Amino acid sequence: MDIWRTAFIIGLAGFTAGCAREGALREPAIEPLTADVLMVPVNRDSAGCVRYRLISGEGEPDFTVYWRIDAGHFTNNRASAACDSRESQP
């Protein structure tokens, strides 16, 4: 049954990212935090930093905007985000 849950989450993540206002991002990739929790890049802020949404197979939807701090760590505080030149748009 876990394979169906994982497939559902990945499908939901793709659908959510595809419906983002500015479109889904191909880089960086979706980052899995656990088997049921994914951080999906959806767009960039005015400084070019990638914004993420949390997609979970369980519980209520999370509409909070997150920024990446480092691998596997995210924040909803833009000032704490790690946004370097690799992540920024030219």
C-alpha atoms as a PDB file:
ATOM      1  CA  MET A   1       0.000   0.000   0.000  1.00  0.00           C
ATOM      2  CA  ASP A   2       2.963   2.337   0.561  1.00  0.00           C
ATOM      3  CA  ILE A   3       3.788   2.332  -3.144  1.00  0.00           C
ATOM      4  CA  TRP A   4       0.317   3.713  -3.923  1.00  0.00           C
ATOM      5  CA  ARG A   5       0.715   6.427  -1.284  1.00  0.00           C
ATOM      6  CA  THR A   6       4.132   7.384  -2.693  1.00  0.00           C
ATOM      7  CA  ALA A   7       2.766   7.434  -6.249  1.00  0.00           C
ATOM      8  CA  PHE A   8      -0.143   9.604  -5.106  1.00  0.00           C
ATOM      9  CA  ILE A   9       2.187  12.070  -3.370  1.00  0.00           C
ATOM     10  CA  ILE A  10       4.468  12.347  -6.390  1.00  0.00           C
ATOM     11  CA  GLY A  11       1.451  12.849  -8.664  1.00  0.00           C
ATOM     12  CA  LEU A  12      -0.001  15.456  -6.320  1.00  0.00           C
ATOM     13  CA  ALA A  13       3.355  17.236  -6.145  1.00  0.00           C
ATOM     14  CA  GLY A  14       3.566  17.358  -9.924  1.00  0.00           C
ATOM     15  CA  PHE A  15       0.024  18.639 -10.233  1.00  0.00           C
ATOM     16  CA  THR A  16       0.576  21.290  -7.542  1.00  0.00           C
ATOM     17  CA  ALA A  17       3.826  22.449  -9.087  1.00  0.00           C
ATOM     18  CA  GLY A  18       2.230  22.576 -12.530  1.00  0.00           C
ATOM     19  CA  CYS A  19      -0.529  24.818 -11.220  1.00  0.00           C
ATOM     20  CA  ALA A  20       1.826  27.313  -9.604  1.00  0.00           C
ATOM     21  CA  ARG A  21       1.237  30.905 -10.690  1.00  0.00           C
ATOM     22  CA  GLU A  22       4.657  31.312 -12.308  1.00  0.00           C
ATOM     23  CA  GLY A  23       4.942  27.678 -13.318  1.00  0.00           C
ATOM     24  CA  ALA A  24       6.863  24.738 -11.970  1.00  0.00           C
ATOM     25  CA  LEU A  25      10.628  24.778 -11.788  1.00  0.00           C
ATOM     26  CA  ARG A  26      12.763  22.013 -13.205  1.00  0.00           C
ATOM     27  CA  GLU A  27      15.824  23.126 -11.254  1.00  0.00           C
ATOM     28  CA  PRO A  28      16.195  22.511  -8.399  1.00  0.00           C
ATOM     29  CA  ALA A  29      14.472  19.158  -8.219  1.00  0.00           C
ATOM     30  CA  ILE A  30      11.734  18.098  -5.807  1.00  0.00           C
ATOM     31  CA  GLU A  31      13.380  17.279  -2.487  1.00  0.00           C
ATOM     32  CA  PRO A  32      11.931  14.359  -0.498  1.00  0.00           C
ATOM     33  CA  LEU A  33      12.106  14.859   3.275  1.00  0.00           C
ATOM     34  CA  THR A  34      10.507  11.498   4.128  1.00  0.00           C
ATOM     35  CA  ALA A  35       8.608   8.870   2.152  1.00  0.00           C
ATOM     36  CA  ASP A  36       5.388  10.899   2.552  1.00  0.00           C
ATOM     37  CA  VAL A  37       6.705  14.486   2.624  1.00  0.00           C
ATOM     38  CA  LEU A  38       8.133  16.405  -0.334  1.00  0.00           C
ATOM     39  CA  MET A  39       9.371  19.970  -0.761  1.00  0.00           C
ATOM     40  CA  VAL A  40       8.330  21.112  -4.243  1.00  0.00           C
ATOM     41  CA  PRO A  41       9.929  24.159  -5.901  1.00  0.00           C
ATOM     42  CA  VAL A  42       7.113  26.269  -7.359  1.00  0.00           C
ATOM     43  CA  ASN A  43       8.483  29.672  -8.298  1.00  0.00           C
ATOM     44  CA  ARG A  44      11.042  32.349  -7.416  1.00  0.00           C
ATOM     45  CA  ASP A  45      10.731  35.457  -5.304  1.00  0.00           C
ATOM     46  CA  SER A  46      11.713  38.933  -6.519  1.00  0.00           C
ATOM     47  CA  ALA A  47      15.380  38.252  -5.641  1.00  0.00           C
ATOM     48  CA  GLY A  48      15.365  35.021  -7.659  1.00  0.00           C
ATOM     49  CA  CYS A  49      15.353  32.688  -4.650  1.00  0.00           C
ATOM     50  CA  VAL A  50      13.380  29.477  -5.092  1.00  0.00           C
ATOM     51  CA  ARG A  51      10.154  29.190  -3.109  1.00  0.00           C
ATOM     52  CA  TYR A  52       8.941  25.761  -2.008  1.00  0.00           C
ATOM     53  CA  ARG A  53       5.645  24.207  -0.930  1.00  0.00           C
ATOM     54  CA  LEU A  54       5.369  21.224   1.381  1.00  0.00           C
ATOM     55  CA  ILE A  55       3.337  18.328   0.004  1.00  0.00           C
ATOM     56  CA  SER A  56       2.318  15.574   2.407  1.00  0.00           C
ATOM     57  CA  GLY A  57       0.285  12.435   1.884  1.00  0.00           C
ATOM     58  CA  GLU A  58      -1.259  12.802   5.310  1.00  0.00           C
ATOM     59  CA  GLY A  59      -2.919  15.646   7.154  1.00  0.00           C
ATOM     60  CA  GLU A  60      -4.178  19.019   6.034  1.00  0.00           C
ATOM     61  CA  PRO A  61      -2.634  20.870   3.080  1.00  0.00           C
ATOM     62  CA  ASP A  62       0.184  23.253   3.972  1.00  0.00           C
ATOM     63  CA  PHE A  63      -0.025  26.549   2.081  1.00  0.00           C
ATOM     64  CA  THR A  64       3.045  28.060   3.758  1.00  0.00           C
ATOM     65  CA  VAL A  65       5.848  29.322   1.513  1.00  0.00           C
ATOM     66  CA  TYR A  66       9.280  27.923   2.363  1.00  0.00           C
ATOM     67  CA  TRP A  67      12.845  28.747   1.355  1.00  0.00           C
ATOM     68  CA  ARG A  68      15.758  26.321   1.502  1.00  0.00           C
ATOM     69  CA  ILE A  69      18.414  26.671   4.206  1.00  0.00           C
ATOM     70  CA  ASP A  70      20.452  23.610   3.173  1.00  0.00           C
ATOM     71  CA  ALA A  71      19.849  20.000   2.154  1.00  0.00           C
ATOM     72  CA  GLY A  72      16.771  18.742   3.990  1.00  0.00           C
ATOM     73  CA  HIS A  73      16.229  21.982   5.927  1.00  0.00           C
ATOM     74  CA  PHE A  74      13.729  24.690   5.061  1.00  0.00           C
ATOM     75  CA  THR A  75      12.385  27.844   6.672  1.00  0.00           C
ATOM     76  CA  ASN A  76       9.339  30.048   6.278  1.00  0.00           C
ATOM     77  CA  ASN A  77      11.478  33.074   7.239  1.00  0.00           C
ATOM     78  CA  ARG A  78      12.903  34.615   4.057  1.00  0.00           C
ATOM     79  CA  ALA A  79      15.688  36.342   6.005  1.00  0.00           C
ATOM     80  CA  SER A  80      17.031  32.946   7.137  1.00  0.00           C
ATOM     81  CA  ALA A  81      17.086  31.477   3.638  1.00  0.00           C
ATOM     82  CA  ALA A  82      20.278  30.471   1.880  1.00  0.00           C
ATOM     83  CA  CYS A  83      19.960  31.927  -1.591  1.00  0.00           C
ATOM     84  CA  ASP A  84      23.220  31.811  -3.500  1.00  0.00           C
ATOM     85  CA  SER A  85      24.173  32.486  -7.104  1.00  0.00           C
ATOM     86  CA  ARG A  86      23.462  28.875  -8.159  1.00  0.00           C
ATOM     87  CA  GLU A  87      19.831  29.338  -7.132  1.00  0.00           C
ATOM     88  CA  SER A  88      19.348  32.894  -8.401  1.00  0.00           C
ATOM     89  CA  GLN A  89      18.224  33.816 -11.849  1.00  0.00           C
ATOM     90  CA  PRO A  90      20.622  35.960 -13.914  1.00  0.00           C
END
